Amino acid sequence: MCRMFHLFALLVLAFALTGCAPNVSPAVPSPLVPTLPIAPKLTLTPDSTPTVAPTASSTPTVASTASSTPTVAPTASSTPMPSPTVATTPSAAEILFLRGGVLVALNVVTGTERRLADHVQAFAATPNGRRLALARGDGAATELWLVARNGTNLQQLTRNDWAESSLSWSPDGQSLAYTAASGLAPRVPTWTAWAAWCATAEVRVIAVVDGTERSLGLGCEPSFSPDGQRLAFTTAPTSTLTGMDFPGASNAIQVVNRQGEHGWRLAKAEEADSAEGYVVYGATWAPAGDRVAYQRFFGYQALVDINLTELSSSFERKGEPIGFGAGWLLAPRYAPDGTRVAVIEHNFSDSRGFSGYDIWSLKVLRLGEEEPLALPSGTLTLRAATNATLPRATGAAWSPDGTALAVVLPQHWQPGLSPQESAFSAEGPGELWRWRPGAAPETKLAEGLDFASPLLWLPPLPATDG
């Protein structure tokens, strides 16, 4: 019995080894099928065209056929490539300017350029730099548009009979304040041109999500506070002076909350009171939001039109002079750290008879110091000292770190030219330079800028942003 059992066990084992073992073949890798990236979907809105940001020498296009779409080489470890983008994300700081009405973004590191949009009159960036607001068009046909920083998703925001200009974003990027008028803000400002524009203008705020709007009242040049809770703007002049057919005096710098309510006058000017000048304008918030700088125009005195730059606490409503200029001064520009203010002067009443670039200049004021100023009415103590002056500069923008400014100078500008001699009397194209106050402009960055082009110096965006 025992032997028969052992024989049976051996037969079972043999059967398992020969008939039931799996049939294993040598390993052969299966070929990988390459995955084609999917072209990005572009959403069209009425009257808008998504744009592809071109470089200075070529205009990239989006592939439209499978044969022109790049493929991934088949390897055992490959992963699908990300979908291609319409325009590269700005990986370096950029300076924005106008050339022939085209908004151009210049890469400060490489010197390459990207065309963002055409027929642009004015532009502003959200505080995080990811989105731009544009005033595009001509005259009353100018409308508000939005575009991503990389040049995509160009969308029209307004459709009306106003000319939009002087744009200001709320810090959260959800609202845009602007001036609506019968004509555009003067690119080359004088008292007469500015007053004629602002006297018939209206300050409005629009929600970029749904396009709803509200009016803050008659006036111009709105400016959101850094915390987004308040706005400062210039009220419309109301007094008509002898010899003028429009109001050119008597107004204020008004501060209101985001709904346009609970306002107060930060500064005022009354034509009847020569100590207050004709108009105040150009309100600009300090980075900390605790102070507001603005301009006060006194008019013709001592062979020139006199302007004072003033600084006031946003709550105390008491302005102190910090700078002086001749002609018409543009809105002050704070350095990122709030310790200096840049002011551009357009001396349209220049007694020497100069014109063009020769009647423009840029001055940097250093706050927290004092400097005496002799005027026909007496001596004033300015609460800032002149840090540096650059003759013939028509535009300026602080670098994100505050160490330099981008400036617009005349074509063929060179250091050492005397400001007392006429050298650039025409309002021709300009050059973009980098300038560190206290030294001569050091690097020419671009050519062919529009005369008195606005400037904006933006930091790089993270690689994930558009």
Protein backbone atom coordinates (compact mmCIF):
# COMPACT_ATOMS: atom_id res chain seq x y z
CA MET A 1 0.00 0.00 0.00
CA CYS A 2 2.81 2.41 0.88
CA ARG A 3 4.62 1.72 -2.42
CA MET A 4 1.44 2.34 -4.44
CA PHE A 5 0.96 5.64 -2.66
CA HIS A 6 4.54 6.77 -3.42
CA LEU A 7 4.12 5.83 -7.12
CA PHE A 8 0.88 7.80 -7.35
CA ALA A 9 2.54 10.88 -5.78
CA LEU A 10 5.40 10.74 -8.31
CA LEU A 11 2.92 10.60 -11.23
CA VAL A 12 1.05 13.67 -9.93
CA LEU A 13 4.32 15.67 -9.56
CA ALA A 14 5.45 14.80 -13.09
CA PHE A 15 2.12 15.90 -14.53
CA ALA A 16 2.36 19.27 -12.72
CA LEU A 17 5.86 19.94 -14.05
CA THR A 18 5.03 19.14 -17.69
CA GLY A 19 1.37 19.97 -18.33
CA CYS A 20 0.47 22.81 -15.95
CA ALA A 21 3.55 25.06 -15.97
CA PRO A 22 2.97 28.54 -17.63
CA ASN A 23 4.32 29.17 -21.12
CA VAL A 24 6.80 32.11 -20.64
CA SER A 25 8.17 33.91 -23.73
CA PRO A 26 11.22 36.23 -23.90
CA ALA A 27 10.38 39.88 -22.93
CA VAL A 28 9.77 42.18 -25.98
CA PRO A 29 9.10 45.88 -25.29
CA SER A 30 5.90 47.24 -26.84
CA PRO A 31 6.37 50.31 -29.01
CA LEU A 32 5.24 53.65 -27.40
CA VAL A 33 2.76 55.71 -29.38
CA PRO A 34 3.84 59.39 -29.28
CA THR A 35 1.22 61.78 -27.92
CA LEU A 36 0.60 64.94 -29.95
CA PRO A 37 0.21 68.14 -27.92
CA ILE A 38 -3.26 69.66 -28.19
CA ALA A 39 -3.37 73.17 -29.63
CA PRO A 40 -4.68 75.67 -27.08
CA LYS A 41 -8.29 76.70 -27.42
CA LEU A 42 -8.72 80.42 -28.10
CA THR A 43 -11.99 81.98 -27.00
CA LEU A 44 -13.28 84.72 -29.27
CA THR A 45 -15.45 87.52 -27.97
CA PRO A 46 -17.31 90.07 -30.10
CA ASP A 47 -15.00 92.70 -31.64
CA SER A 48 -11.91 91.14 -30.14
CA THR A 49 -9.10 89.14 -31.63
CA PRO A 50 -6.68 87.04 -29.60
CA THR A 51 -3.22 88.09 -30.66
CA VAL A 52 0.08 86.31 -30.89
CA ALA A 53 2.90 88.38 -29.46
CA PRO A 54 5.53 88.64 -32.22
CA THR A 55 9.22 89.15 -31.74
CA ALA A 56 11.13 92.02 -33.29
CA SER A 57 12.03 89.98 -36.36
CA SER A 58 9.21 87.52 -36.89
CA THR A 59 5.56 86.80 -36.18
CA PRO A 60 4.96 83.34 -34.72
CA THR A 61 1.90 81.42 -35.83
CA VAL A 62 -0.07 78.64 -34.21
CA ALA A 63 0.18 75.26 -35.94
CA SER A 64 -3.13 74.25 -37.53
CA THR A 65 -2.43 70.78 -38.97
CA ALA A 66 -1.28 67.54 -37.44
CA SER A 67 1.71 67.37 -39.77
CA SER A 68 3.12 70.62 -38.42
CA THR A 69 2.61 69.82 -34.75
CA PRO A 70 5.80 68.79 -32.90
CA THR A 71 5.90 65.19 -31.64
CA VAL A 72 7.60 63.53 -28.71
CA ALA A 73 10.41 61.08 -29.44
CA PRO A 74 9.31 57.58 -28.33
CA THR A 75 11.37 56.50 -25.37
CA ALA A 76 10.54 54.20 -22.50
CA SER A 77 10.68 57.09 -20.01
CA SER A 78 9.00 59.87 -22.04
CA THR A 79 5.98 61.80 -20.77
CA PRO A 80 3.55 63.88 -22.84
CA MET A 81 4.82 67.40 -23.57
CA PRO A 82 2.74 70.28 -22.24
CA SER A 83 0.44 72.02 -24.68
CA PRO A 84 2.14 74.82 -26.59
CA THR A 85 1.26 78.39 -25.62
CA VAL A 86 0.42 81.23 -27.95
CA ALA A 87 3.03 83.54 -26.41
CA THR A 88 5.83 82.97 -23.97
CA THR A 89 5.46 84.17 -20.40
CA PRO A 90 7.66 87.18 -19.65
CA SER A 91 10.58 85.69 -17.73
CA ALA A 92 12.41 89.00 -17.21
CA ALA A 93 11.53 92.56 -16.35
CA GLU A 94 9.96 94.44 -19.26
CA ILE A 95 9.55 98.10 -20.21
CA LEU A 96 6.35 98.99 -22.07
CA PHE A 97 6.23 101.91 -24.51
CA LEU A 98 4.53 103.10 -27.72
CA ARG A 99 6.04 103.02 -31.20
CA GLY A 100 3.76 104.18 -33.98
CA GLY A 101 0.80 103.61 -31.68
CA VAL A 102 1.82 99.98 -31.12
CA LEU A 103 2.31 98.87 -27.53
CA VAL A 104 5.72 97.21 -27.30
CA ALA A 105 7.19 95.19 -24.42
CA LEU A 106 11.00 95.27 -24.25
CA ASN A 107 12.83 92.47 -22.41
CA VAL A 108 15.35 94.36 -20.28
CA VAL A 109 17.76 91.40 -20.15
CA THR A 110 17.81 90.22 -23.78
CA GLY A 111 16.71 93.38 -25.59
CA THR A 112 14.04 91.47 -27.54
CA GLU A 113 10.65 93.07 -28.18
CA ARG A 114 7.05 91.83 -28.22
CA ARG A 115 4.19 93.67 -29.95
CA LEU A 116 1.13 93.54 -27.71
CA ALA A 117 -1.55 95.66 -29.43
CA ASP A 118 -1.96 98.44 -31.97
CA HIS A 119 -3.78 101.81 -31.94
CA VAL A 120 -2.95 102.25 -28.23
CA GLN A 121 -3.29 105.67 -26.60
CA ALA A 122 -2.76 104.76 -22.94
CA PHE A 123 -2.11 101.65 -20.86
CA ALA A 124 -1.91 100.47 -17.25
CA ALA A 125 -1.00 97.18 -15.55
CA THR A 126 -2.68 95.45 -12.64
CA PRO A 127 -0.54 95.64 -9.46
CA ASN A 128 0.56 92.02 -9.97
CA GLY A 129 1.52 92.80 -13.58
CA ARG A 130 -0.50 89.94 -15.09
CA ARG A 131 -3.05 91.99 -17.02
CA LEU A 132 -3.06 95.23 -18.97
CA ALA A 133 -5.79 97.76 -19.60
CA LEU A 134 -5.54 99.65 -22.87
CA ALA A 135 -7.19 102.73 -24.31
CA ARG A 136 -7.33 101.90 -28.04
CA GLY A 137 -8.68 103.87 -30.96
CA ASP A 138 -8.76 107.48 -32.13
CA GLY A 139 -10.58 110.39 -30.53
CA ALA A 140 -14.10 109.55 -29.41
CA ALA A 141 -13.69 106.09 -30.95
CA THR A 142 -11.16 105.19 -28.25
CA GLU A 143 -12.38 102.32 -26.07
CA LEU A 144 -11.12 100.27 -23.13
CA TRP A 145 -9.58 96.89 -23.89
CA LEU A 146 -8.03 94.17 -21.75
CA VAL A 147 -5.12 91.91 -22.67
CA ALA A 148 -3.00 89.37 -20.81
CA ARG A 149 0.60 90.32 -20.13
CA ASN A 150 1.80 87.80 -22.74
CA GLY A 151 -0.35 89.42 -25.44
CA THR A 152 -3.21 86.91 -25.52
CA ASN A 153 -6.95 87.28 -24.83
CA LEU A 154 -7.39 90.76 -26.25
CA GLN A 155 -10.96 91.76 -25.35
CA GLN A 156 -12.96 94.94 -25.75
CA LEU A 157 -14.42 96.22 -22.49
CA THR A 158 -16.39 99.36 -23.43
CA ARG A 159 -18.50 100.53 -26.39
CA ASN A 160 -19.57 104.15 -26.06
CA ASP A 161 -19.11 107.67 -27.45
CA TRP A 162 -16.43 108.74 -24.95
CA ALA A 163 -12.69 108.84 -25.28
CA GLU A 164 -11.18 106.84 -22.40
CA SER A 165 -7.80 107.71 -20.86
CA SER A 166 -5.86 108.09 -17.56
CA LEU A 167 -6.40 104.51 -16.36
CA SER A 168 -5.98 103.22 -12.80
CA TRP A 169 -6.46 99.61 -11.60
CA SER A 170 -7.82 98.62 -8.22
CA PRO A 171 -5.27 96.53 -6.27
CA ASP A 172 -7.38 93.37 -6.65
CA GLY A 173 -7.52 93.79 -10.43
CA GLN A 174 -11.34 93.65 -10.43
CA SER A 175 -12.11 97.31 -11.18
CA LEU A 176 -10.68 99.95 -13.46
CA ALA A 177 -11.03 103.70 -12.92
CA TYR A 178 -10.69 105.97 -15.94
CA THR A 179 -11.50 109.36 -17.40
CA ALA A 180 -14.31 109.59 -19.97
CA ALA A 181 -14.24 112.76 -22.07
CA SER A 182 -15.10 114.10 -25.50
CA GLY A 183 -11.43 113.85 -26.45
CA LEU A 184 -8.24 112.17 -25.35
CA ALA A 185 -5.99 113.49 -22.59
CA PRO A 186 -3.32 115.69 -24.21
CA ARG A 187 -0.10 113.74 -24.78
CA VAL A 188 1.77 117.08 -24.86
CA PRO A 189 0.10 118.92 -21.98
CA THR A 190 -0.35 122.65 -21.49
CA TRP A 191 -2.65 124.47 -19.10
CA THR A 192 -5.07 125.35 -21.90
CA ALA A 193 -5.16 121.84 -23.41
CA TRP A 194 -5.45 120.11 -20.03
CA ALA A 195 -8.20 122.42 -18.73
CA ALA A 196 -10.27 122.04 -21.91
CA TRP A 197 -10.05 118.26 -21.54
CA CYS A 198 -10.71 117.92 -17.78
CA ALA A 199 -13.47 120.57 -17.63
CA THR A 200 -15.79 118.36 -19.73
CA ALA A 201 -14.63 114.98 -18.40
CA GLU A 202 -16.15 112.44 -16.02
CA VAL A 203 -14.48 109.94 -13.68
CA ARG A 204 -15.91 106.43 -13.95
CA VAL A 205 -15.21 102.99 -12.44
CA ILE A 206 -15.96 99.80 -14.36
CA ALA A 207 -16.03 96.20 -13.11
CA VAL A 208 -13.99 94.11 -15.52
CA VAL A 209 -15.98 90.93 -14.82
CA ASP A 210 -19.40 92.09 -16.00
CA GLY A 211 -18.79 95.61 -17.36
CA THR A 212 -21.05 97.40 -14.87
CA GLU A 213 -20.07 101.04 -14.36
CA ARG A 214 -20.69 103.94 -12.04
CA SER A 215 -19.76 107.62 -12.16
CA LEU A 216 -17.78 109.35 -9.42
CA GLY A 217 -18.52 112.82 -10.76
CA LEU A 218 -17.12 115.42 -13.12
CA GLY A 219 -13.34 115.49 -13.31
CA CYS A 220 -10.34 113.51 -14.48
CA GLU A 221 -7.21 111.54 -13.48
CA PRO A 222 -8.54 108.96 -10.98
CA SER A 223 -6.02 107.09 -8.85
CA PHE A 224 -6.77 104.07 -6.63
CA SER A 225 -5.15 104.00 -3.19
CA PRO A 226 -2.77 101.06 -2.55
CA ASP A 227 -5.34 99.36 -0.30
CA GLY A 228 -8.12 99.84 -2.84
CA GLN A 229 -10.49 101.46 -0.34
CA ARG A 230 -10.28 105.01 -1.70
CA LEU A 231 -9.77 106.93 -4.91
CA ALA A 232 -8.32 110.38 -5.48
CA PHE A 233 -9.23 112.37 -8.57
CA THR A 234 -9.13 115.89 -9.97
CA THR A 235 -12.46 117.70 -9.99
CA ALA A 236 -13.36 119.65 -13.11
CA PRO A 237 -12.36 123.35 -13.23
CA THR A 238 -15.42 125.57 -12.89
CA SER A 239 -14.22 129.18 -13.38
CA THR A 240 -13.85 130.71 -16.83
CA LEU A 241 -11.04 133.24 -17.01
CA THR A 242 -11.01 136.39 -19.10
CA GLY A 243 -10.05 135.63 -22.67
CA MET A 244 -10.88 131.91 -22.42
CA ASP A 245 -14.00 130.17 -23.70
CA PHE A 246 -13.80 127.26 -21.24
CA PRO A 247 -13.30 126.84 -17.47
CA GLY A 248 -9.63 126.90 -16.52
CA ALA A 249 -9.57 127.50 -12.76
CA SER A 250 -11.14 126.62 -9.40
CA ASN A 251 -11.11 122.92 -8.63
CA ALA A 252 -9.89 120.37 -6.05
CA ILE A 253 -8.28 117.03 -5.39
CA GLN A 254 -11.18 114.89 -4.17
CA VAL A 255 -10.87 111.66 -2.16
CA VAL A 256 -13.81 109.24 -2.03
CA ASN A 257 -14.41 105.64 -1.07
CA ARG A 258 -14.71 102.89 -3.66
CA GLN A 259 -18.42 103.58 -4.10
CA GLY A 260 -17.77 107.29 -4.70
CA GLU A 261 -19.17 108.28 -1.30
CA HIS A 262 -18.01 109.99 1.94
CA GLY A 263 -15.55 112.21 0.12
CA TRP A 264 -13.45 115.16 1.17
CA ARG A 265 -11.20 117.74 -0.47
CA LEU A 266 -7.55 116.91 -0.03
CA ALA A 267 -6.48 120.18 -1.72
CA LYS A 268 -8.24 123.01 -3.54
CA ALA A 269 -7.48 125.96 -5.78
CA GLU A 270 -9.55 129.12 -6.13
CA GLU A 271 -8.94 131.53 -9.00
CA ALA A 272 -9.82 134.44 -6.70
CA ASP A 273 -7.06 133.49 -4.23
CA SER A 274 -3.62 133.85 -5.84
CA ALA A 275 -2.06 131.94 -2.93
CA GLU A 276 -3.90 128.80 -4.05
CA GLY A 277 -3.18 129.12 -7.76
CA TYR A 278 -5.52 128.28 -10.61
CA VAL A 279 -5.85 124.48 -10.48
CA VAL A 280 -4.59 121.42 -8.60
CA TYR A 281 -4.20 118.10 -10.43
CA GLY A 282 -2.23 114.86 -10.89
CA ALA A 283 -2.91 113.15 -7.53
CA THR A 284 -0.60 110.15 -6.91
CA TRP A 285 -0.62 107.90 -3.84
CA ALA A 286 2.56 107.04 -1.96
CA PRO A 287 3.30 103.28 -1.94
CA ALA A 288 2.31 103.11 1.74
CA GLY A 289 -1.00 104.87 1.03
CA ASP A 290 -0.50 107.45 3.77
CA ARG A 291 0.32 110.45 1.56
CA VAL A 292 -0.70 111.94 -1.77
CA ALA A 293 1.52 114.03 -4.06
CA TYR A 294 -0.04 116.40 -6.61
CA GLN A 295 0.64 119.55 -8.64
CA ARG A 296 -0.53 123.13 -8.07
CA PHE A 297 -0.51 125.48 -11.08
CA PHE A 298 -0.04 129.21 -10.35
CA GLY A 299 0.22 130.48 -13.92
CA TYR A 300 2.38 133.15 -15.48
CA GLN A 301 4.83 134.80 -13.08
CA ALA A 302 8.38 136.07 -13.62
CA LEU A 303 8.33 135.26 -17.36
CA VAL A 304 7.26 131.62 -16.86
CA ASP A 305 4.25 129.62 -15.72
CA ILE A 306 4.96 128.40 -12.19
CA ASN A 307 3.99 125.01 -10.83
CA LEU A 308 4.58 123.56 -7.36
CA THR A 309 4.64 119.87 -6.46
CA GLU A 310 2.95 119.37 -3.09
CA LEU A 311 2.62 116.51 -0.64
CA SER A 312 -0.23 115.97 1.80
CA SER A 313 -1.26 113.38 4.32
CA SER A 314 -4.29 111.59 2.98
CA PHE A 315 -6.11 112.43 6.24
CA GLU A 316 -4.75 115.76 7.52
CA ARG A 317 -5.45 117.56 4.23
CA LYS A 318 -2.53 119.94 4.63
CA GLY A 319 -0.21 120.20 1.65
CA GLU A 320 3.46 121.16 1.82
CA PRO A 321 5.60 122.10 -1.21
CA ILE A 322 8.28 119.59 -2.18
CA GLY A 323 9.26 120.72 -5.69
CA PHE A 324 9.14 123.53 -8.23
CA GLY A 325 8.83 123.63 -12.01
CA ALA A 326 8.04 125.84 -14.96
CA GLY A 327 5.25 125.35 -17.47
CA TRP A 328 3.13 122.23 -16.88
CA LEU A 329 4.25 119.37 -14.62
CA LEU A 330 3.06 115.82 -15.19
CA ALA A 331 1.67 113.74 -12.31
CA PRO A 332 4.38 112.85 -9.75
CA ARG A 333 5.88 109.34 -9.84
CA TYR A 334 6.88 107.73 -6.54
CA ALA A 335 9.87 105.41 -6.31
CA PRO A 336 8.86 101.92 -5.10
CA ASP A 337 10.22 102.60 -1.60
CA GLY A 338 8.44 105.98 -1.35
CA THR A 339 11.61 107.97 -0.56
CA ARG A 340 11.89 109.80 -3.90
CA VAL A 341 9.51 111.38 -6.40
CA ALA A 342 10.16 111.87 -10.13
CA VAL A 343 8.53 114.85 -11.85
CA ILE A 344 8.50 115.65 -15.58
CA GLU A 345 8.32 119.28 -16.66
CA HIS A 346 6.94 120.57 -19.97
CA ASN A 347 7.88 124.25 -20.04
CA PHE A 348 5.48 125.29 -22.79
CA SER A 349 5.94 128.99 -21.86
CA ASP A 350 9.74 128.85 -22.15
CA SER A 351 11.00 132.43 -22.39
CA ARG A 352 13.91 131.41 -24.64
CA GLY A 353 11.56 130.38 -27.43
CA PHE A 354 12.69 126.74 -27.36
CA SER A 355 10.43 123.88 -28.47
CA GLY A 356 10.42 120.11 -28.99
CA TYR A 357 12.53 118.11 -26.54
CA ASP A 358 14.40 121.25 -25.48
CA ILE A 359 11.54 122.40 -23.22
CA TRP A 360 11.22 119.12 -21.32
CA SER A 361 13.14 117.91 -18.29
CA LEU A 362 12.99 115.33 -15.50
CA LYS A 363 13.72 116.01 -11.85
CA VAL A 364 14.07 113.52 -8.99
CA LEU A 365 13.18 114.82 -5.52
CA ARG A 366 14.50 113.22 -2.34
CA LEU A 367 11.91 113.43 0.43
CA GLY A 368 12.71 114.17 4.07
CA GLU A 369 15.13 117.01 3.33
CA GLU A 370 14.72 120.76 2.91
CA GLU A 371 15.63 123.23 0.19
CA PRO A 372 14.87 126.98 -0.05
CA LEU A 373 13.00 128.32 -3.08
CA ALA A 374 12.83 132.03 -4.00
CA LEU A 375 9.57 133.06 -5.69
CA PRO A 376 8.15 136.49 -6.61
CA SER A 377 5.79 136.14 -3.66
CA GLY A 378 8.60 135.29 -1.22
CA THR A 379 10.84 132.43 -0.12
CA LEU A 380 9.40 128.96 0.38
CA THR A 381 10.95 126.01 2.17
CA LEU A 382 10.59 122.88 0.07
CA ARG A 383 10.25 119.65 2.06
CA ALA A 384 12.44 117.76 -0.39
CA ALA A 385 15.80 118.30 -2.07
CA THR A 386 16.66 117.88 -5.74
CA ASN A 387 18.43 114.56 -6.17
CA ALA A 388 19.12 114.82 -9.93
CA THR A 389 17.91 116.57 -13.09
CA LEU A 390 17.87 115.24 -16.65
CA PRO A 391 17.14 117.80 -19.39
CA ARG A 392 15.07 116.83 -22.48
CA ALA A 393 13.43 113.74 -20.92
CA THR A 394 9.76 113.45 -21.91
CA GLY A 395 8.88 110.21 -20.10
CA ALA A 396 10.01 108.21 -17.08
CA ALA A 397 9.22 105.00 -15.20
CA TRP A 398 10.90 103.59 -12.08
CA SER A 399 12.49 100.15 -12.20
CA PRO A 400 10.80 97.59 -9.92
CA ASP A 401 13.73 97.79 -7.47
CA GLY A 402 13.86 101.60 -7.56
CA THR A 403 17.54 101.83 -8.52
CA ALA A 404 17.00 103.32 -11.98
CA LEU A 405 14.48 104.92 -14.30
CA ALA A 406 13.60 104.21 -17.91
CA VAL A 407 13.53 107.58 -19.69
CA VAL A 408 12.59 108.88 -23.15
CA LEU A 409 15.24 111.11 -24.73
CA PRO A 410 15.48 112.58 -28.24
CA GLN A 411 16.88 110.61 -31.17
CA HIS A 412 20.69 110.87 -31.32
CA TRP A 413 20.88 112.14 -27.75
CA GLN A 414 24.33 112.14 -26.17
CA PRO A 415 25.72 113.14 -22.77
CA GLY A 416 27.20 116.56 -22.19
CA LEU A 417 24.74 118.64 -24.23
CA SER A 418 24.03 122.04 -22.71
CA PRO A 419 20.40 122.56 -21.64
CA GLN A 420 20.82 126.25 -22.47
CA GLU A 421 21.25 125.62 -26.21
CA SER A 422 18.58 124.39 -28.61
CA ALA A 423 19.54 120.97 -29.95
CA PHE A 424 16.25 119.04 -30.39
CA SER A 425 13.56 121.52 -31.37
CA ALA A 426 11.35 119.00 -33.21
CA GLU A 427 8.80 116.65 -31.64
CA GLY A 428 10.31 113.63 -33.37
CA PRO A 429 10.87 109.98 -32.38
CA GLY A 430 12.69 109.26 -29.16
CA GLU A 431 15.09 106.77 -27.64
CA LEU A 432 14.67 104.67 -24.50
CA TRP A 433 17.54 104.88 -22.00
CA ARG A 434 18.31 103.51 -18.56
CA TRP A 435 19.18 106.27 -16.08
CA ARG A 436 20.46 106.07 -12.52
CA PRO A 437 19.86 109.48 -10.88
CA GLY A 438 23.14 111.16 -10.10
CA ALA A 439 24.92 109.85 -13.21
CA ALA A 440 24.51 110.19 -16.96
CA PRO A 441 22.07 107.83 -18.74
CA GLU A 442 24.08 104.64 -19.15
CA THR A 443 22.40 102.35 -21.68
CA LYS A 444 20.29 102.94 -24.76
CA LEU A 445 17.60 100.26 -24.81
CA ALA A 446 15.38 101.02 -27.83
CA GLU A 447 14.75 103.52 -30.62
CA GLY A 448 11.80 104.97 -32.50
CA LEU A 449 9.55 105.69 -29.51
CA ASP A 450 6.57 107.97 -30.01
CA PHE A 451 7.16 111.52 -28.85
CA ALA A 452 6.30 111.79 -25.12
CA SER A 453 5.42 108.08 -25.02
CA PRO A 454 4.16 106.85 -21.64
CA LEU A 455 6.39 104.23 -19.99
CA LEU A 456 5.82 101.32 -17.63
CA TRP A 457 8.56 99.12 -16.12
CA LEU A 458 7.16 95.78 -14.99
CA PRO A 459 8.82 92.94 -13.05
CA PRO A 460 9.01 89.40 -14.51
CA LEU A 461 6.11 87.02 -14.04
CA PRO A 462 6.37 83.54 -12.51
CA ALA A 463 6.72 80.82 -15.16
CA THR A 464 3.14 79.62 -14.56
CA ASP A 465 1.58 83.03 -15.27
CA GLY A 466 0.44 84.41 -18.59
